[in-house]
C-alpha atoms as a PDB file:
ATOM      1  CA  MET A   1     -42.696  72.280  45.989  1.00  0.00           C
ATOM      2  CA  THR A   2     -39.011  72.119  44.877  1.00  0.00           C
ATOM      3  CA  VAL A   3     -37.669  74.304  42.162  1.00  0.00           C
ATOM      4  CA  ARG A   4     -37.531  71.398  39.919  1.00  0.00           C
ATOM      5  CA  GLU A   5     -40.958  70.352  40.792  1.00  0.00           C
ATOM      6  CA  ALA A   6     -42.075  74.052  40.071  1.00  0.00           C
ATOM      7  CA  ILE A   7     -40.346  74.520  36.853  1.00  0.00           C
ATOM      8  CA  ALA A   8     -42.019  71.137  35.254  1.00  0.00           C
ATOM      9  CA  TYR A   9     -45.553  72.465  36.966  1.00  0.00           C
ATOM     10  CA  GLY A  10     -45.068  75.507  35.092  1.00  0.00           C
ATOM     11  CA  GLU A  11     -44.091  74.043  31.861  1.00  0.00           C
ATOM     12  CA  GLY A  12     -47.053  72.050  32.089  1.00  0.00           C
ATOM     13  CA  VAL A  13     -49.579  74.632  32.947  1.00  0.00           C
ATOM     14  CA  LEU A  14     -48.137  76.716  29.653  1.00  0.00           C
ATOM     15  CA  THR A  15     -47.872  73.945  27.752  1.00  0.00           C
ATOM     16  CA  SER A  16     -51.789  73.235  28.342  1.00  0.00           C
ATOM     17  CA  ALA A  17     -52.454  77.233  27.598  1.00  0.00           C
ATOM     18  CA  ARG A  18     -50.382  76.755  24.067  1.00  0.00           C
ATOM     19  CA  CYS A  19     -47.790  79.175  25.171  1.00  0.00           C
ATOM     20  CA  GLU A  20     -45.144  79.330  22.608  1.00  0.00           C
ATOM     21  CA  SER A  21     -41.987  78.413  24.988  1.00  0.00           C
ATOM     22  CA  PRO A  22     -43.597  76.875  27.789  1.00  0.00           C
ATOM     23  CA  ARG A  23     -40.400  75.888  29.824  1.00  0.00           C
ATOM     24  CA  ARG A  24     -38.582  78.905  29.061  1.00  0.00           C
ATOM     25  CA  ASP A  25     -41.396  81.155  30.243  1.00  0.00           C
ATOM     26  CA  ALA A  26     -41.704  78.941  33.343  1.00  0.00           C
ATOM     27  CA  GLU A  27     -37.985  79.497  34.410  1.00  0.00           C
ATOM     28  CA  LEU A  28     -38.173  83.007  33.791  1.00  0.00           C
ATOM     29  CA  LEU A  29     -41.054  83.372  35.828  1.00  0.00           C
ATOM     30  CA  LEU A  30     -39.463  81.189  38.671  1.00  0.00           C
ATOM     31  CA  GLU A  31     -36.478  83.368  38.274  1.00  0.00           C
ATOM     32  CA  HIS A  32     -38.613  86.441  38.558  1.00  0.00           C
ATOM     33  CA  VAL A  33     -40.381  85.304  41.609  1.00  0.00           C
ATOM     34  CA  GLY A  34     -37.127  84.048  43.340  1.00  0.00           C
ATOM     35  CA  SER A  35     -35.144  86.880  42.716  1.00  0.00           C
ATOM     36  CA  SER A  36     -32.426  84.406  41.371  1.00  0.00           C
ATOM     37  CA  SER A  37     -30.837  83.726  38.253  1.00  0.00           C
ATOM     38  CA  ARG A  38     -31.657  80.810  35.888  1.00  0.00           C
ATOM     39  CA  THR A  39     -28.124  79.508  36.695  1.00  0.00           C
ATOM     40  CA  ALA A  40     -28.752  79.349  40.441  1.00  0.00           C
ATOM     41  CA  LEU A  41     -32.288  77.891  40.209  1.00  0.00           C
ATOM     42  CA  TYR A  42     -30.668  74.648  38.552  1.00  0.00           C
ATOM     43  CA  ALA A  43     -27.969  74.496  41.098  1.00  0.00           C
ATOM     44  CA  GLU A  44     -30.503  74.014  43.741  1.00  0.00           C
ATOM     45  CA  PRO A  45     -33.114  71.988  42.191  1.00  0.00           C
ATOM     46  CA  ASP A  46     -34.124  70.574  45.205  1.00  0.00           C
ATOM     47  CA  ARG A  47     -34.735  73.789  47.175  1.00  0.00           C
ATOM     48  CA  GLN A  48     -37.963  74.155  48.431  1.00  0.00           C
ATOM     49  CA  LEU A  49     -39.836  77.246  47.633  1.00  0.00           C
ATOM     50  CA  SER A  50     -41.225  79.367  50.245  1.00  0.00           C
ATOM     51  CA  GLY A  51     -44.791  79.449  50.700  1.00  0.00           C
ATOM     52  CA  GLU A  52     -44.975  83.476  49.250  1.00  0.00           C
ATOM     53  CA  GLU A  53     -42.511  82.190  46.358  1.00  0.00           C
ATOM     54  CA  GLU A  54     -45.064  79.493  45.411  1.00  0.00           C
ATOM     55  CA  SER A  55     -47.989  81.703  45.801  1.00  0.00           C
ATOM     56  CA  ARG A  56     -46.547  84.194  43.707  1.00  0.00           C
ATOM     57  CA  LEU A  57     -45.465  81.812  41.073  1.00  0.00           C
ATOM     58  CA  ARG A  58     -48.953  80.306  40.690  1.00  0.00           C
ATOM     59  CA  GLY A  59     -50.223  83.848  40.191  1.00  0.00           C
ATOM     60  CA  CYS A  60     -47.728  84.550  37.322  1.00  0.00           C
ATOM     61  CA  LEU A  61     -47.952  81.267  35.927  1.00  0.00           C
ATOM     62  CA  ALA A  62     -52.173  82.033  35.553  1.00  0.00           C
ATOM     63  CA  ARG A  63     -51.308  85.385  34.218  1.00  0.00           C
ATOM     64  CA  ARG A  64     -49.292  83.808  31.685  1.00  0.00           C
ATOM     65  CA  ALA A  65     -51.715  80.875  30.905  1.00  0.00           C
ATOM     66  CA  ARG A  66     -54.139  83.859  29.688  1.00  0.00           C
ATOM     67  CA  ARG A  67     -51.536  84.739  27.149  1.00  0.00           C
ATOM     68  CA  GLU A  68     -50.476  88.118  28.990  1.00  0.00           C
ATOM     69  CA  PRO A  69     -46.850  88.512  27.799  1.00  0.00           C
ATOM     70  CA  ALA A  70     -43.896  87.211  30.202  1.00  0.00           C
ATOM     71  CA  ALA A  71     -42.448  90.567  29.786  1.00  0.00           C
ATOM     72  CA  TYR A  72     -45.363  92.379  30.970  1.00  0.00           C
ATOM     73  CA  ILE A  73     -45.494  90.044  33.942  1.00  0.00           C
ATOM     74  CA  ILE A  74     -41.862  90.499  35.016  1.00  0.00           C
ATOM     75  CA  GLY A  75     -41.787  93.984  33.909  1.00  0.00           C
ATOM     76  CA  GLU A  76     -38.498  94.008  32.098  1.00  0.00           C
ATOM     77  CA  TRP A  77     -36.992  92.298  28.968  1.00  0.00           C
ATOM     78  CA  GLY A  78     -34.044  92.261  26.953  1.00  0.00           C
ATOM     79  CA  PHE A  79     -33.057  94.224  23.924  1.00  0.00           C
ATOM     80  CA  ARG A  80     -29.234  94.220  22.516  1.00  0.00           C
ATOM     81  CA  GLY A  81     -27.628  93.529  25.832  1.00  0.00           C
ATOM     82  CA  LEU A  82     -29.934  96.290  27.576  1.00  0.00           C
ATOM     83  CA  THR A  83     -32.215  95.535  29.956  1.00  0.00           C
ATOM     84  CA  LEU A  84     -35.398  97.701  29.616  1.00  0.00           C
ATOM     85  CA  THR A  85     -38.608  98.030  31.825  1.00  0.00           C
ATOM     86  CA  VAL A  86     -41.703  97.420  29.625  1.00  0.00           C
ATOM     87  CA  ASN A  87     -45.609  97.502  30.518  1.00  0.00           C
ATOM     88  CA  PRO A  88     -48.969  97.341  28.518  1.00  0.00           C
ATOM     89  CA  TYR A  89     -48.204 100.890  27.426  1.00  0.00           C
ATOM     90  CA  VAL A  90     -45.361 100.089  25.122  1.00  0.00           C
ATOM     91  CA  LEU A  91     -44.763  97.030  22.754  1.00  0.00           C
ATOM     92  CA  VAL A  92     -42.278  93.824  23.988  1.00  0.00           C
ATOM     93  CA  PRO A  93     -38.847  94.493  22.375  1.00  0.00           C
ATOM     94  CA  ARG A  94     -38.217  91.762  19.853  1.00  0.00           C
ATOM     95  CA  PRO A  95     -35.126  90.141  18.150  1.00  0.00           C
ATOM     96  CA  GLU A  96     -36.701  91.131  14.862  1.00  0.00           C
ATOM     97  CA  THR A  97     -36.312  94.708  15.630  1.00  0.00           C
ATOM     98  CA  GLU A  98     -32.655  94.207  16.358  1.00  0.00           C
ATOM     99  CA  ILE A  99     -31.889  94.018  12.619  1.00  0.00           C
ATOM    100  CA  VAL A 100     -33.335  97.637  12.552  1.00  0.00           C
ATOM    101  CA  VAL A 101     -30.615  98.942  15.082  1.00  0.00           C
ATOM    102  CA  GLU A 102     -27.807  96.829  13.268  1.00  0.00           C
ATOM    103  CA  ARG A 103     -28.589  98.834  10.152  1.00  0.00           C
ATOM    104  CA  ALA A 104     -28.864 102.065  11.593  1.00  0.00           C
ATOM    105  CA  LEU A 105     -25.428 101.404  13.343  1.00  0.00           C
ATOM    106  CA  ALA A 106     -24.103 100.606   9.865  1.00  0.00           C
ATOM    107  CA  HIS A 107     -25.077 103.818   8.158  1.00  0.00           C
ATOM    108  CA  LEU A 108     -23.801 105.973  11.366  1.00  0.00           C
ATOM    109  CA  ALA A 109     -20.304 104.032  11.005  1.00  0.00           C
ATOM    110  CA  GLY A 110     -17.538 106.680  11.314  1.00  0.00           C
ATOM    111  CA  ARG A 111     -19.916 109.798  11.654  1.00  0.00           C
ATOM    112  CA  ALA A 112     -18.839 112.003  14.413  1.00  0.00           C
ATOM    113  CA  ARG A 113     -21.599 113.371  16.711  1.00  0.00           C
ATOM    114  CA  PRO A 114     -24.426 112.195  14.045  1.00  0.00           C
ATOM    115  CA  ARG A 115     -27.998 113.130  14.915  1.00  0.00           C
ATOM    116  CA  VAL A 116     -30.862 110.527  14.714  1.00  0.00           C
ATOM    117  CA  LEU A 117     -34.265 110.674  14.974  1.00  0.00           C
ATOM    118  CA  ASP A 118     -36.658 107.559  16.371  1.00  0.00           C
ATOM    119  CA  VAL A 119     -40.493 107.982  15.346  1.00  0.00           C
ATOM    120  CA  GLY A 120     -42.634 106.103  17.638  1.00  0.00           C
ATOM    121  CA  THR A 121     -39.956 105.185  20.322  1.00  0.00           C
ATOM    122  CA  GLY A 122     -42.143 103.258  22.903  1.00  0.00           C
ATOM    123  CA  SER A 123     -39.832 101.859  25.263  1.00  0.00           C
ATOM    124  CA  GLY A 124     -36.956 103.830  23.987  1.00  0.00           C
ATOM    125  CA  ALA A 125     -35.456 100.219  22.215  1.00  0.00           C
ATOM    126  CA  ILE A 126     -34.164 101.527  19.257  1.00  0.00           C
ATOM    127  CA  ALA A 127     -32.859 104.974  20.503  1.00  0.00           C
ATOM    128  CA  LEU A 128     -31.407 103.615  23.423  1.00  0.00           C
ATOM    129  CA  ALA A 129     -29.689 100.621  21.864  1.00  0.00           C
ATOM    130  CA  ILE A 130     -28.342 103.206  19.399  1.00  0.00           C
ATOM    131  CA  ALA A 131     -27.123 105.528  22.115  1.00  0.00           C
ATOM    132  CA  ALA A 132     -25.460 102.496  24.154  1.00  0.00           C
ATOM    133  CA  GLU A 133     -23.566 101.252  20.954  1.00  0.00           C
ATOM    134  CA  HIS A 134     -22.551 104.835  18.981  1.00  0.00           C
ATOM    135  CA  GLU A 135     -20.942 106.956  21.980  1.00  0.00           C
ATOM    136  CA  SER A 136     -21.354 110.151  20.106  1.00  0.00           C
ATOM    137  CA  ALA A 137     -24.658 109.704  18.825  1.00  0.00           C
ATOM    138  CA  HIS A 138     -27.713 112.310  19.742  1.00  0.00           C
ATOM    139  CA  ILE A 139     -31.192 111.024  19.399  1.00  0.00           C
ATOM    140  CA  VAL A 140     -34.234 112.498  19.187  1.00  0.00           C
ATOM    141  CA  ALA A 141     -37.334 110.077  20.188  1.00  0.00           C
ATOM    142  CA  THR A 142     -40.710 110.902  19.724  1.00  0.00           C
ATOM    143  CA  ASP A 143     -43.941 109.085  20.295  1.00  0.00           C
ATOM    144  CA  ILE A 144     -47.553 110.139  20.667  1.00  0.00           C
ATOM    145  CA  SER A 145     -48.169 108.344  23.803  1.00  0.00           C
ATOM    146  CA  ALA A 146     -47.116 110.156  27.300  1.00  0.00           C
ATOM    147  CA  ALA A 147     -47.395 106.833  28.867  1.00  0.00           C
ATOM    148  CA  ALA A 148     -44.929 105.308  26.446  1.00  0.00           C
ATOM    149  CA  LEU A 149     -42.420 108.259  26.491  1.00  0.00           C
ATOM    150  CA  ALA A 150     -42.557 107.943  30.783  1.00  0.00           C
ATOM    151  CA  VAL A 151     -41.472 104.343  30.065  1.00  0.00           C
ATOM    152  CA  ALA A 152     -38.712 105.650  27.866  1.00  0.00           C
ATOM    153  CA  ALA A 153     -37.529 108.231  30.199  1.00  0.00           C
ATOM    154  CA  GLY A 154     -37.261 105.738  33.117  1.00  0.00           C
ATOM    155  CA  ASN A 155     -35.163 103.422  30.740  1.00  0.00           C
ATOM    156  CA  ARG A 156     -33.138 106.513  29.429  1.00  0.00           C
ATOM    157  CA  ALA A 157     -32.543 107.081  33.365  1.00  0.00           C
ATOM    158  CA  ARG A 158     -31.572 103.644  34.214  1.00  0.00           C
ATOM    159  CA  LEU A 159     -28.854 103.469  31.220  1.00  0.00           C
ATOM    160  CA  GLY A 160     -27.478 106.958  32.397  1.00  0.00           C
ATOM    161  CA  LEU A 161     -28.126 108.419  28.789  1.00  0.00           C
ATOM    162  CA  ASP A 162     -30.378 111.194  29.350  1.00  0.00           C
ATOM    163  CA  SER A 163     -27.651 113.858  28.146  1.00  0.00           C
ATOM    164  CA  ARG A 164     -27.822 111.841  24.581  1.00  0.00           C
ATOM    165  CA  VAL A 165     -31.511 110.773  24.135  1.00  0.00           C
ATOM    166  CA  GLU A 166     -34.105 113.653  23.961  1.00  0.00           C
ATOM    167  CA  LEU A 167     -37.453 112.754  24.095  1.00  0.00           C
ATOM    168  CA  ALA A 168     -40.507 114.473  22.608  1.00  0.00           C
ATOM    169  CA  LEU A 169     -44.271 113.948  22.533  1.00  0.00           C
ATOM    170  CA  GLY A 170     -45.836 113.722  19.136  1.00  0.00           C
ATOM    171  CA  HIS A 171     -45.665 111.962  15.742  1.00  0.00           C
ATOM    172  CA  LEU A 172     -44.537 113.542  12.727  1.00  0.00           C
ATOM    173  CA  ASP A 173     -45.730 117.083  13.843  1.00  0.00           C
ATOM    174  CA  ALA A 174     -43.278 117.007  16.859  1.00  0.00           C
ATOM    175  CA  ARG A 175     -41.174 119.795  17.049  1.00  0.00           C
ATOM    176  CA  VAL A 176     -37.622 118.240  16.494  1.00  0.00           C
ATOM    177  CA  PRO A 177     -34.854 120.036  16.218  1.00  0.00           C
ATOM    178  CA  GLY A 178     -33.657 118.608  12.889  1.00  0.00           C
ATOM    179  CA  PRO A 179     -31.913 118.012  10.259  1.00  0.00           C
ATOM    180  CA  PHE A 180     -30.766 114.604  10.781  1.00  0.00           C
ATOM    181  CA  ASP A 181     -28.251 112.248   9.415  1.00  0.00           C
ATOM    182  CA  LEU A 182     -30.532 109.086  10.082  1.00  0.00           C
ATOM    183  CA  ILE A 183     -34.406 108.600  10.819  1.00  0.00           C
ATOM    184  CA  VAL A 184     -35.696 105.321  11.996  1.00  0.00           C
ATOM    185  CA  SER A 185     -38.835 103.888  13.033  1.00  0.00           C
ATOM    186  CA  ASN A 186     -40.399 100.924  13.972  1.00  0.00           C
ATOM    187  CA  PRO A 187     -44.026 102.085  12.959  1.00  0.00           C
ATOM    188  CA  PRO A 188     -47.403 100.406  13.271  1.00  0.00           C
ATOM    189  CA  TYR A 189     -48.012  98.211  10.224  1.00  0.00           C
ATOM    190  CA  VAL A 190     -50.484  95.483  10.795  1.00  0.00           C
ATOM    191  CA  THR A 191     -53.810  95.850   9.530  1.00  0.00           C
ATOM    192  CA  PRO A 192     -56.999  95.637  11.484  1.00  0.00           C
ATOM    193  CA  GLU A 193     -57.670  92.196   9.478  1.00  0.00           C
ATOM    194  CA  GLU A 194     -54.304  90.728  10.250  1.00  0.00           C
ATOM    195  CA  LEU A 195     -54.554  91.605  13.835  1.00  0.00           C
ATOM    196  CA  GLU A 196     -57.159  89.253  14.294  1.00  0.00           C
ATOM    197  CA  ARG A 197     -55.000  86.392  13.106  1.00  0.00           C
ATOM    198  CA  LEU A 198     -52.194  87.099  15.679  1.00  0.00           C
ATOM    199  CA  ASP A 199     -51.064  85.619  18.695  1.00  0.00           C
ATOM    200  CA  PRO A 200     -53.154  86.278  21.883  1.00  0.00           C
ATOM    201  CA  GLU A 201     -49.937  88.043  23.449  1.00  0.00           C
ATOM    202  CA  ILE A 202     -50.232  90.780  20.728  1.00  0.00           C
ATOM    203  CA  ARG A 203     -53.724  90.969  19.742  1.00  0.00           C
ATOM    204  CA  LEU A 204     -55.218  91.085  23.447  1.00  0.00           C
ATOM    205  CA  TYR A 205     -52.167  92.735  25.317  1.00  0.00           C
ATOM    206  CA  GLU A 206     -49.994  94.983  23.274  1.00  0.00           C
ATOM    207  CA  PRO A 207     -51.093  98.650  22.520  1.00  0.00           C
ATOM    208  CA  ARG A 208     -53.087  98.689  19.466  1.00  0.00           C
ATOM    209  CA  GLU A 209     -52.058 102.057  18.505  1.00  0.00           C
ATOM    210  CA  ALA A 210     -48.262 101.058  18.502  1.00  0.00           C
ATOM    211  CA  VAL A 211     -49.424  97.500  16.456  1.00  0.00           C
ATOM    212  CA  VAL A 212     -51.996  98.366  13.824  1.00  0.00           C
ATOM    213  CA  GLY A 213     -51.497 101.042  11.451  1.00  0.00           C
ATOM    214  CA  ILE A 214     -51.825 101.875   7.300  1.00  0.00           C
ATOM    215  CA  GLY A 215     -49.649 104.240   5.684  1.00  0.00           C
ATOM    216  CA  ALA A 216     -47.299 105.072   8.563  1.00  0.00           C
ATOM    217  CA  HIS A 217     -44.024 104.293   6.141  1.00  0.00           C
ATOM    218  CA  GLY A 218     -45.059 106.697   3.379  1.00  0.00           C
ATOM    219  CA  ALA A 219     -45.887 109.296   6.066  1.00  0.00           C
ATOM    220  CA  ILE A 220     -42.312 108.813   7.615  1.00  0.00           C
ATOM    221  CA  ALA A 221     -40.797 108.997   4.631  1.00  0.00           C
ATOM    222  CA  ARG A 222     -42.444 111.985   3.060  1.00  0.00           C
ATOM    223  CA  ARG A 223     -41.107 113.950   6.654  1.00  0.00           C
ATOM    224  CA  ALA A 224     -37.731 112.358   6.198  1.00  0.00           C
ATOM    225  CA  VAL A 225     -37.296 114.345   2.894  1.00  0.00           C
ATOM    226  CA  GLU A 226     -37.463 117.337   5.097  1.00  0.00           C
ATOM    227  CA  LEU A 227     -35.709 116.208   7.694  1.00  0.00           C
ATOM    228  CA  LEU A 228     -32.651 114.571   6.593  1.00  0.00           C
ATOM    229  CA  VAL A 229     -29.351 115.942   5.516  1.00  0.00           C
ATOM    230  CA  PRO A 230     -28.256 115.106   1.821  1.00  0.00           C
ATOM    231  CA  GLY A 231     -27.084 111.750   2.053  1.00  0.00           C
ATOM    232  CA  GLY A 232     -28.913 110.922   5.121  1.00  0.00           C
ATOM    233  CA  VAL A 233     -30.573 107.555   5.850  1.00  0.00           C
ATOM    234  CA  LEU A 234     -34.106 106.376   6.272  1.00  0.00           C
ATOM    235  CA  VAL A 235     -34.090 102.957   8.354  1.00  0.00           C
ATOM    236  CA  LEU A 236     -37.914 101.639   8.573  1.00  0.00           C
ATOM    237  CA  GLU A 237     -39.044  97.989  10.062  1.00  0.00           C
ATOM    238  CA  CYS A 238     -41.912  96.318   8.066  1.00  0.00           C
ATOM    239  CA  GLY A 239     -43.986  93.374   8.158  1.00  0.00           C
ATOM    240  CA  GLU A 240     -42.311  90.752   5.586  1.00  0.00           C
ATOM    241  CA  ALA A 241     -44.998  90.971   2.796  1.00  0.00           C
ATOM    242  CA  GLN A 242     -44.785  94.791   2.805  1.00  0.00           C
ATOM    243  CA  HIS A 243     -41.216  95.727   1.745  1.00  0.00           C
ATOM    244  CA  ALA A 244     -41.985  95.781  -2.233  1.00  0.00           C
ATOM    245  CA  SER A 245     -44.915  97.949  -1.593  1.00  0.00           C
ATOM    246  CA  ILE A 246     -43.181 100.186   0.586  1.00  0.00           C
ATOM    247  CA  ALA A 247     -39.904 100.257  -1.289  1.00  0.00           C
ATOM    248  CA  ARG A 248     -42.005 101.259  -4.380  1.00  0.00           C
ATOM    249  CA  GLU A 249     -43.396 104.287  -2.417  1.00  0.00           C
ATOM    250  CA  LEU A 250     -40.210 105.268  -1.402  1.00  0.00           C
ATOM    251  CA  ASP A 251     -39.026 105.396  -4.784  1.00  0.00           C
ATOM    252  CA  ASP A 252     -42.042 107.864  -5.769  1.00  0.00           C
ATOM    253  CA  ILE A 253     -41.247 109.946  -3.040  1.00  0.00           C
ATOM    254  CA  GLY A 254     -37.832 110.446  -4.312  1.00  0.00           C
ATOM    255  CA  LEU A 255     -35.462 108.460  -2.110  1.00  0.00           C
ATOM    256  CA  VAL A 256     -32.792 106.662  -3.614  1.00  0.00           C
ATOM    257  CA  ASP A 257     -30.488 103.623  -3.245  1.00  0.00           C
ATOM    258  CA  ILE A 258     -33.526 101.757  -1.706  1.00  0.00           C
ATOM    259  CA  ALA A 259     -32.777  98.366  -0.319  1.00  0.00           C
ATOM    260  CA  THR A 260     -34.455  95.562   1.734  1.00  0.00           C
ATOM    261  CA  ARG A 261     -32.823  93.729   4.719  1.00  0.00           C
ATOM    262  CA  HIS A 262     -33.109  90.312   6.204  1.00  0.00           C
ATOM    263  CA  ASP A 263     -33.823  89.368   9.677  1.00  0.00           C
ATOM    264  CA  LEU A 264     -32.025  86.278  11.193  1.00  0.00           C
ATOM    265  CA  SER A 265     -34.694  84.288  10.078  1.00  0.00           C
ATOM    266  CA  ASP A 266     -34.383  85.397   6.595  1.00  0.00           C
ATOM    267  CA  ARG A 267     -37.496  87.373   6.439  1.00  0.00           C
ATOM    268  CA  PRO A 268     -37.508  90.692   4.730  1.00  0.00           C
ATOM    269  CA  ARG A 269     -37.759  93.042   7.933  1.00  0.00           C
ATOM    270  CA  VAL A 270     -36.069  96.298   7.060  1.00  0.00           C
ATOM    271  CA  VAL A 271     -36.640  98.643   3.816  1.00  0.00           C
ATOM    272  CA  GLU A 272     -33.880 101.700   3.770  1.00  0.00           C
ATOM    273  CA  ALA A 273     -33.378 104.330   1.579  1.00  0.00           C
ATOM    274  CA  ARG A 274     -31.126 107.642   1.042  1.00  0.00           C
ATOM    275  CA  HIS A 275     -32.132 110.939   0.844  1.00  0.00           C
ATOM    276  CA  ALA A 276     -30.481 112.346  -2.761  1.00  0.00           C
END
């Protein structure tokens, strides 16, 4: 099987399995098993795969055809220019969450040595992206999952950010050295009923405790009132149908300057507010 044939074969398998991006995923998986970039693959379309490469590719395609996320099969995924290790203990970093980092950085602009709390860090995507893009920020990142924190710790070490990203086991009750200039979170916000309608990649493979949750935004906001400095900012990712109710809850809690921000697909994705 040549590279060209392998890509076409993989695309056919994943199309039949109703994967969303069959050709891209076939390329990514072939890149993974061949330890080559996609550019290199297309530079050698007639190269014959070794027996080991073909066997590994078929195994990876079988996993993806069962709708296991490509990120878990490959073991890493990109987020705002970072390459992060991921596994089934953490969510796959998504482009929608990049707007959360963008908003956080906008609020931190011009602040010297700001302190940030990331609640429910998972792979560390948000915390590490903020640290990578704001050279003086110090971030405390919490998670209730020790396994997720182990993934975040590995990513932190790979990126050389150990000195500026602190990891803590726990949720809102975690002992964190506040106060903070900014609190950010992508909390679980899918209802159990909604979960059943989501793609198998999420419903069957991603950690349920990081996906399904009710009331997390309000709980984080109430804790934020205790931990934010005056004028400090809260930035929360949300489902597109939730922004109005979350905004009302933040107003009831006493936060001010409440605003909704949209992602690149023009869907309401972030609710942010300031501590008076």
